[in-house]
Amino acid sequence: MTKSDLLEFIASRKLGVVSSLSSFGIVQSALVGIAVTQDLEIIFDTVKSSRKYSNLINHPECSFVVGWTGEQTLQFEGTATELHGAELERFQKTYFGAWPDGPSRIAWPGIVYFVVRPSWIRYSDFDANPPHVQEFRF
């Protein structure tokens, strides 16, 4: 499993479950539409009124689970950053490539975009015999 394989795996999935920590120390999870960059950064949009928004602003460390067809999954831990300015425009190009309807959501009140840069990834394929599990640190 190479970085290119990880990229292909994430890019072939449209959804991921992001987990974040509330200000009360409660883990909260949400299903979000995702896109991925060549550097294995996950991009997603949300609105400022969501729980995940305030969670990630106060505690940017988060995790994802991507893929659940069969027993092939990717666990992903990293740090989320709200995007602004030129950086936002650059990442939106990648996100809109995966989600062509994304530009229609720009008008939503409070829409924001996050990028999550990986610190740890674990790919698991328990459909394989023998199972394949591999971890990556960044």
N, C-alpha and C. Protein backbone atom coordinates (compact mmCIF):
# COMPACT_ATOMS: atom_id res chain seq x y z
N MET A 1 0.86 -1.17 0.00
CA MET A 1 0.00 0.00 0.00
C MET A 1 0.90 1.23 0.00
N THR A 2 0.73 2.07 -1.00
CA THR A 2 1.53 3.28 -1.16
C THR A 2 0.65 4.50 -0.91
N LYS A 3 1.28 5.66 -0.90
CA LYS A 3 0.53 6.91 -0.78
C LYS A 3 -0.47 7.03 -1.93
N SER A 4 -0.06 6.63 -3.13
CA SER A 4 -0.96 6.66 -4.29
C SER A 4 -2.16 5.74 -4.09
N ASP A 5 -1.93 4.58 -3.48
CA ASP A 5 -3.03 3.65 -3.19
C ASP A 5 -4.01 4.26 -2.19
N LEU A 6 -3.46 4.92 -1.17
CA LEU A 6 -4.32 5.58 -0.18
C LEU A 6 -5.16 6.67 -0.85
N LEU A 7 -4.50 7.47 -1.69
CA LEU A 7 -5.20 8.53 -2.41
C LEU A 7 -6.33 7.95 -3.25
N GLU A 8 -6.05 6.89 -3.98
CA GLU A 8 -7.06 6.26 -4.82
C GLU A 8 -8.23 5.74 -3.98
N PHE A 9 -7.92 5.13 -2.83
CA PHE A 9 -8.96 4.59 -1.96
C PHE A 9 -9.87 5.71 -1.47
N ILE A 10 -9.29 6.79 -0.95
CA ILE A 10 -10.10 7.88 -0.41
C ILE A 10 -10.89 8.56 -1.53
N ALA A 11 -10.23 8.82 -2.66
CA ALA A 11 -10.88 9.53 -3.77
C ALA A 11 -12.05 8.73 -4.35
N SER A 12 -12.02 7.42 -4.21
CA SER A 12 -13.10 6.60 -4.76
C SER A 12 -14.32 6.55 -3.83
N ARG A 13 -14.20 7.16 -2.68
CA ARG A 13 -15.33 7.22 -1.73
C ARG A 13 -15.83 8.65 -1.68
N LYS A 14 -17.11 8.83 -1.54
CA LYS A 14 -17.70 10.17 -1.51
C LYS A 14 -17.99 10.65 -0.09
N LEU A 15 -18.06 9.70 0.85
CA LEU A 15 -18.50 10.04 2.20
C LEU A 15 -17.50 9.55 3.24
N GLY A 16 -17.48 10.25 4.35
CA GLY A 16 -16.68 9.84 5.49
C GLY A 16 -17.40 10.24 6.77
N VAL A 17 -17.07 9.57 7.85
CA VAL A 17 -17.61 9.93 9.16
C VAL A 17 -16.51 10.67 9.91
N VAL A 18 -16.78 11.91 10.26
CA VAL A 18 -15.82 12.71 11.02
C VAL A 18 -16.26 12.71 12.49
N SER A 19 -15.29 12.51 13.37
CA SER A 19 -15.54 12.55 14.80
C SER A 19 -14.73 13.69 15.40
N SER A 20 -15.41 14.45 16.26
CA SER A 20 -14.77 15.60 16.90
C SER A 20 -15.18 15.62 18.37
N LEU A 21 -14.49 16.47 19.12
CA LEU A 21 -14.70 16.52 20.57
C LEU A 21 -15.41 17.81 20.94
N SER A 22 -16.52 17.69 21.68
CA SER A 22 -17.26 18.87 22.11
C SER A 22 -16.53 19.55 23.27
N SER A 23 -16.98 20.76 23.60
CA SER A 23 -16.36 21.48 24.72
C SER A 23 -16.64 20.80 26.05
N PHE A 24 -17.58 19.86 26.07
CA PHE A 24 -17.88 19.10 27.28
C PHE A 24 -17.14 17.76 27.31
N GLY A 25 -16.27 17.52 26.33
CA GLY A 25 -15.50 16.28 26.28
C GLY A 25 -16.28 15.11 25.70
N ILE A 26 -17.36 15.38 24.99
CA ILE A 26 -18.18 14.33 24.38
C ILE A 26 -17.78 14.17 22.93
N VAL A 27 -17.50 12.93 22.51
CA VAL A 27 -17.18 12.67 21.11
C VAL A 27 -18.46 12.68 20.30
N GLN A 28 -18.44 13.40 19.19
CA GLN A 28 -19.61 13.51 18.32
C GLN A 28 -19.18 13.17 16.90
N SER A 29 -20.01 12.46 16.17
CA SER A 29 -19.68 12.02 14.81
C SER A 29 -20.74 12.50 13.83
N ALA A 30 -20.31 12.70 12.59
CA ALA A 30 -21.23 13.14 11.53
C ALA A 30 -20.75 12.60 10.19
N LEU A 31 -21.69 12.27 9.35
CA LEU A 31 -21.40 11.85 7.99
C LEU A 31 -21.25 13.11 7.13
N VAL A 32 -20.15 13.20 6.38
CA VAL A 32 -19.91 14.37 5.53
C VAL A 32 -19.43 13.93 4.15
N GLY A 33 -19.69 14.77 3.17
CA GLY A 33 -19.13 14.56 1.84
C GLY A 33 -17.68 15.00 1.84
N ILE A 34 -16.81 14.20 1.23
CA ILE A 34 -15.38 14.49 1.29
C ILE A 34 -14.75 14.56 -0.10
N ALA A 35 -13.63 15.23 -0.12
CA ALA A 35 -12.72 15.22 -1.27
C ALA A 35 -11.32 15.08 -0.69
N VAL A 36 -10.35 14.70 -1.52
CA VAL A 36 -9.00 14.49 -1.02
C VAL A 36 -8.00 15.12 -1.98
N THR A 37 -6.92 15.67 -1.41
CA THR A 37 -5.85 16.27 -2.20
C THR A 37 -4.74 15.25 -2.44
N GLN A 38 -3.80 15.61 -3.28
CA GLN A 38 -2.64 14.76 -3.55
C GLN A 38 -1.81 14.52 -2.30
N ASP A 39 -1.93 15.41 -1.29
CA ASP A 39 -1.20 15.26 -0.03
C ASP A 39 -2.02 14.53 1.03
N LEU A 40 -3.10 13.87 0.60
CA LEU A 40 -3.98 13.09 1.47
C LEU A 40 -4.70 13.95 2.50
N GLU A 41 -4.95 15.20 2.16
CA GLU A 41 -5.73 16.09 3.01
C GLU A 41 -7.21 15.90 2.65
N ILE A 42 -8.05 15.76 3.66
CA ILE A 42 -9.49 15.62 3.43
C ILE A 42 -10.15 16.98 3.57
N ILE A 43 -11.01 17.29 2.60
CA ILE A 43 -11.74 18.55 2.57
C ILE A 43 -13.23 18.24 2.71
N PHE A 44 -13.93 19.05 3.50
CA PHE A 44 -15.39 18.91 3.60
C PHE A 44 -16.00 20.27 3.92
N ASP A 45 -17.28 20.40 3.65
CA ASP A 45 -17.99 21.62 4.02
C ASP A 45 -18.97 21.32 5.14
N THR A 46 -19.35 22.38 5.84
CA THR A 46 -20.35 22.30 6.89
C THR A 46 -20.90 23.71 7.10
N VAL A 47 -21.76 23.88 8.05
CA VAL A 47 -22.27 25.21 8.37
C VAL A 47 -21.89 25.56 9.81
N LYS A 48 -21.79 26.85 10.07
CA LYS A 48 -21.35 27.31 11.40
C LYS A 48 -22.30 26.91 12.52
N SER A 49 -23.55 26.60 12.18
CA SER A 49 -24.52 26.21 13.21
C SER A 49 -24.39 24.73 13.60
N SER A 50 -23.53 23.97 12.91
CA SER A 50 -23.39 22.54 13.22
C SER A 50 -22.54 22.34 14.47
N ARG A 51 -22.73 21.23 15.12
CA ARG A 51 -21.91 20.89 16.29
C ARG A 51 -20.46 20.73 15.90
N LYS A 52 -20.20 20.10 14.75
CA LYS A 52 -18.81 19.84 14.36
C LYS A 52 -18.04 21.13 14.14
N TYR A 53 -18.72 22.20 13.70
CA TYR A 53 -18.03 23.47 13.49
C TYR A 53 -17.42 23.97 14.80
N SER A 54 -18.25 24.13 15.82
CA SER A 54 -17.72 24.65 17.09
C SER A 54 -16.73 23.67 17.71
N ASN A 55 -16.98 22.38 17.55
CA ASN A 55 -16.03 21.39 18.07
C ASN A 55 -14.65 21.58 17.44
N LEU A 56 -14.61 21.70 16.11
CA LEU A 56 -13.33 21.78 15.40
C LEU A 56 -12.63 23.12 15.61
N ILE A 57 -13.39 24.17 15.82
CA ILE A 57 -12.78 25.47 16.12
C ILE A 57 -12.10 25.41 17.49
N ASN A 58 -12.75 24.77 18.46
CA ASN A 58 -12.20 24.69 19.82
C ASN A 58 -11.19 23.58 20.02
N HIS A 59 -11.35 22.46 19.29
CA HIS A 59 -10.46 21.29 19.38
C HIS A 59 -10.25 20.78 17.97
N PRO A 60 -9.25 21.27 17.25
CA PRO A 60 -9.11 20.92 15.83
C PRO A 60 -8.70 19.47 15.55
N GLU A 61 -8.29 18.73 16.56
CA GLU A 61 -7.94 17.33 16.33
C GLU A 61 -9.23 16.54 16.10
N CYS A 62 -9.20 15.69 15.07
CA CYS A 62 -10.39 14.93 14.73
C CYS A 62 -9.98 13.62 14.07
N SER A 63 -10.96 12.79 13.79
CA SER A 63 -10.69 11.54 13.09
C SER A 63 -11.80 11.28 12.08
N PHE A 64 -11.45 10.45 11.10
CA PHE A 64 -12.38 10.04 10.05
C PHE A 64 -12.36 8.53 9.93
N VAL A 65 -13.48 7.99 9.48
CA VAL A 65 -13.53 6.64 8.94
C VAL A 65 -14.06 6.79 7.53
N VAL A 66 -13.36 6.18 6.58
CA VAL A 66 -13.73 6.25 5.17
C VAL A 66 -13.81 4.82 4.65
N GLY A 67 -14.87 4.54 3.90
CA GLY A 67 -15.03 3.24 3.27
C GLY A 67 -15.59 2.21 4.21
N TRP A 68 -16.63 1.57 3.79
CA TRP A 68 -17.20 0.49 4.59
C TRP A 68 -17.91 -0.50 3.68
N THR A 69 -17.47 -0.53 2.44
CA THR A 69 -17.94 -1.56 1.53
C THR A 69 -17.12 -2.80 1.82
N GLY A 70 -17.79 -3.88 2.13
CA GLY A 70 -17.04 -5.06 2.57
C GLY A 70 -16.31 -4.71 3.85
N GLU A 71 -15.08 -5.18 3.95
CA GLU A 71 -14.30 -4.90 5.16
C GLU A 71 -13.03 -4.15 4.83
N GLN A 72 -13.14 -3.21 3.89
CA GLN A 72 -12.03 -2.32 3.56
C GLN A 72 -12.34 -0.95 4.14
N THR A 73 -11.50 -0.50 5.06
CA THR A 73 -11.73 0.79 5.70
C THR A 73 -10.41 1.53 5.86
N LEU A 74 -10.56 2.82 6.05
CA LEU A 74 -9.43 3.67 6.31
C LEU A 74 -9.76 4.51 7.53
N GLN A 75 -8.91 4.44 8.54
CA GLN A 75 -9.03 5.29 9.71
C GLN A 75 -8.01 6.41 9.53
N PHE A 76 -8.39 7.61 9.88
CA PHE A 76 -7.60 8.80 9.56
C PHE A 76 -7.67 9.75 10.74
N GLU A 77 -6.54 10.13 11.28
CA GLU A 77 -6.50 11.12 12.35
C GLU A 77 -5.72 12.32 11.86
N GLY A 78 -6.16 13.51 12.26
CA GLY A 78 -5.46 14.70 11.83
C GLY A 78 -5.98 15.95 12.51
N THR A 79 -5.55 17.08 11.98
CA THR A 79 -5.91 18.38 12.53
C THR A 79 -6.66 19.18 11.48
N ALA A 80 -7.80 19.70 11.88
CA ALA A 80 -8.67 20.44 10.98
C ALA A 80 -8.34 21.93 11.03
N THR A 81 -8.43 22.57 9.87
CA THR A 81 -8.23 24.01 9.75
C THR A 81 -9.37 24.57 8.92
N GLU A 82 -10.03 25.61 9.42
CA GLU A 82 -11.03 26.30 8.62
C GLU A 82 -10.32 27.09 7.53
N LEU A 83 -10.83 26.99 6.32
CA LEU A 83 -10.17 27.61 5.18
C LEU A 83 -10.71 29.02 4.91
N HIS A 84 -9.79 29.90 4.49
CA HIS A 84 -10.13 31.29 4.17
C HIS A 84 -9.30 31.76 2.99
N GLY A 85 -9.77 32.80 2.31
CA GLY A 85 -9.00 33.50 1.30
C GLY A 85 -8.52 32.63 0.15
N ALA A 86 -7.28 32.88 -0.25
CA ALA A 86 -6.69 32.16 -1.40
C ALA A 86 -6.60 30.67 -1.12
N GLU A 87 -6.31 30.31 0.13
CA GLU A 87 -6.24 28.89 0.48
C GLU A 87 -7.60 28.22 0.29
N LEU A 88 -8.67 28.91 0.69
CA LEU A 88 -10.02 28.39 0.50
C LEU A 88 -10.29 28.16 -0.99
N GLU A 89 -9.98 29.14 -1.82
CA GLU A 89 -10.22 29.01 -3.25
C GLU A 89 -9.47 27.82 -3.84
N ARG A 90 -8.24 27.62 -3.41
CA ARG A 90 -7.43 26.51 -3.92
C ARG A 90 -8.06 25.16 -3.54
N PHE A 91 -8.47 25.02 -2.29
CA PHE A 91 -9.07 23.76 -1.84
C PHE A 91 -10.47 23.55 -2.40
N GLN A 92 -11.21 24.64 -2.63
CA GLN A 92 -12.54 24.51 -3.21
C GLN A 92 -12.46 23.87 -4.60
N LYS A 93 -11.42 24.15 -5.35
CA LYS A 93 -11.28 23.54 -6.68
C LYS A 93 -11.27 22.02 -6.57
N THR A 94 -10.53 21.51 -5.60
CA THR A 94 -10.49 20.06 -5.39
C THR A 94 -11.85 19.56 -4.91
N TYR A 95 -12.44 20.26 -3.97
CA TYR A 95 -13.73 19.84 -3.42
C TYR A 95 -14.81 19.84 -4.50
N PHE A 96 -14.86 20.89 -5.28
CA PHE A 96 -15.88 20.99 -6.33
C PHE A 96 -15.64 19.98 -7.44
N GLY A 97 -14.40 19.54 -7.61
CA GLY A 97 -14.13 18.47 -8.56
C GLY A 97 -14.80 17.18 -8.15
N ALA A 98 -14.85 16.93 -6.84
CA ALA A 98 -15.50 15.73 -6.32
C ALA A 98 -17.01 15.94 -6.15
N TRP A 99 -17.41 17.17 -5.89
CA TRP A 99 -18.81 17.51 -5.62
C TRP A 99 -19.24 18.65 -6.54
N PRO A 100 -19.62 18.33 -7.79
CA PRO A 100 -20.00 19.38 -8.74
C PRO A 100 -21.17 20.26 -8.28
N ASP A 101 -21.99 19.76 -7.34
CA ASP A 101 -23.07 20.58 -6.82
C ASP A 101 -22.60 21.51 -5.70
N GLY A 102 -21.34 21.41 -5.32
CA GLY A 102 -20.79 22.22 -4.23
C GLY A 102 -20.96 23.72 -4.41
N PRO A 103 -20.71 24.26 -5.61
CA PRO A 103 -20.87 25.71 -5.78
C PRO A 103 -22.27 26.22 -5.46
N SER A 104 -23.28 25.38 -5.62
CA SER A 104 -24.64 25.82 -5.29
C SER A 104 -24.83 26.02 -3.79
N ARG A 105 -23.96 25.41 -2.98
CA ARG A 105 -24.07 25.56 -1.51
C ARG A 105 -23.34 26.80 -1.00
N ILE A 106 -22.56 27.47 -1.85
CA ILE A 106 -21.83 28.67 -1.40
C ILE A 106 -22.78 29.72 -0.84
N ALA A 107 -24.00 29.76 -1.34
CA ALA A 107 -24.99 30.74 -0.89
C ALA A 107 -25.63 30.38 0.45
N TRP A 108 -25.39 29.17 0.95
CA TRP A 108 -25.97 28.78 2.23
C TRP A 108 -25.45 29.70 3.33
N PRO A 109 -26.32 30.12 4.23
CA PRO A 109 -25.86 30.94 5.35
C PRO A 109 -24.88 30.15 6.23
N GLY A 110 -23.73 30.73 6.50
CA GLY A 110 -22.77 30.11 7.40
C GLY A 110 -21.97 28.96 6.84
N ILE A 111 -21.95 28.77 5.51
CA ILE A 111 -21.18 27.65 4.95
C ILE A 111 -19.69 27.92 5.15
N VAL A 112 -18.98 26.88 5.53
CA VAL A 112 -17.53 26.95 5.72
C VAL A 112 -16.91 25.66 5.20
N TYR A 113 -15.61 25.71 5.00
CA TYR A 113 -14.86 24.56 4.50
C TYR A 113 -13.70 24.29 5.45
N PHE A 114 -13.46 23.01 5.68
CA PHE A 114 -12.32 22.59 6.49
C PHE A 114 -11.42 21.69 5.66
N VAL A 115 -10.14 21.74 5.96
CA VAL A 115 -9.19 20.76 5.46
C VAL A 115 -8.62 20.06 6.69
N VAL A 116 -8.48 18.76 6.60
CA VAL A 116 -7.90 17.97 7.69
C VAL A 116 -6.61 17.35 7.15
N ARG A 117 -5.51 17.73 7.77
CA ARG A 117 -4.20 17.21 7.37
C ARG A 117 -3.88 15.99 8.23
N PRO A 118 -3.45 14.91 7.59
CA PRO A 118 -3.28 13.65 8.34
C PRO A 118 -2.07 13.66 9.26
N SER A 119 -2.24 13.01 10.39
CA SER A 119 -1.10 12.70 11.27
C SER A 119 -0.91 11.18 11.36
N TRP A 120 -1.99 10.42 11.11
CA TRP A 120 -1.95 8.96 11.18
C TRP A 120 -3.06 8.39 10.31
N ILE A 121 -2.74 7.36 9.55
CA ILE A 121 -3.73 6.65 8.72
C ILE A 121 -3.52 5.15 8.91
N ARG A 122 -4.62 4.45 9.03
CA ARG A 122 -4.57 2.98 9.08
C ARG A 122 -5.52 2.45 8.03
N TYR A 123 -4.97 1.69 7.09
CA TYR A 123 -5.78 1.03 6.07
C TYR A 123 -5.94 -0.43 6.48
N SER A 124 -7.18 -0.93 6.42
CA SER A 124 -7.46 -2.32 6.76
C SER A 124 -8.27 -2.96 5.65
N ASP A 125 -7.86 -4.16 5.25
CA ASP A 125 -8.63 -4.94 4.28
C ASP A 125 -8.78 -6.35 4.85
N PHE A 126 -9.92 -6.57 5.49
CA PHE A 126 -10.19 -7.88 6.06
C PHE A 126 -10.93 -8.78 5.08
N ASP A 127 -11.16 -8.26 3.86
CA ASP A 127 -11.67 -9.11 2.79
C ASP A 127 -10.53 -9.95 2.20
N ALA A 128 -9.30 -9.48 2.36
CA ALA A 128 -8.14 -10.18 1.82
C ALA A 128 -7.81 -11.38 2.71
N ASN A 129 -7.18 -12.38 2.11
CA ASN A 129 -6.76 -13.56 2.87
C ASN A 129 -5.29 -13.81 2.57
N PRO A 130 -4.39 -13.51 3.48
CA PRO A 130 -4.64 -13.04 4.85
C PRO A 130 -5.01 -11.55 4.84
N PRO A 131 -5.62 -11.09 5.92
CA PRO A 131 -5.99 -9.68 6.01
C PRO A 131 -4.76 -8.77 5.85
N HIS A 132 -5.00 -7.60 5.30
CA HIS A 132 -3.93 -6.61 5.12
C HIS A 132 -4.23 -5.40 5.98
N VAL A 133 -3.31 -5.06 6.87
CA VAL A 133 -3.44 -3.88 7.73
C VAL A 133 -2.12 -3.14 7.66
N GLN A 134 -2.19 -1.83 7.41
CA GLN A 134 -0.97 -1.05 7.31
C GLN A 134 -1.21 0.34 7.88
N GLU A 135 -0.25 0.83 8.68
CA GLU A 135 -0.34 2.15 9.28
C GLU A 135 0.68 3.09 8.68
N PHE A 136 0.32 4.38 8.64
CA PHE A 136 1.19 5.43 8.12
C PHE A 136 1.18 6.58 9.11
N ARG A 137 2.34 7.16 9.35
CA ARG A 137 2.46 8.34 10.24
C ARG A 137 2.99 9.50 9.42
N PHE A 138 2.49 10.68 9.73
CA PHE A 138 2.87 11.87 8.96
C PHE A 138 3.40 12.94 9.91
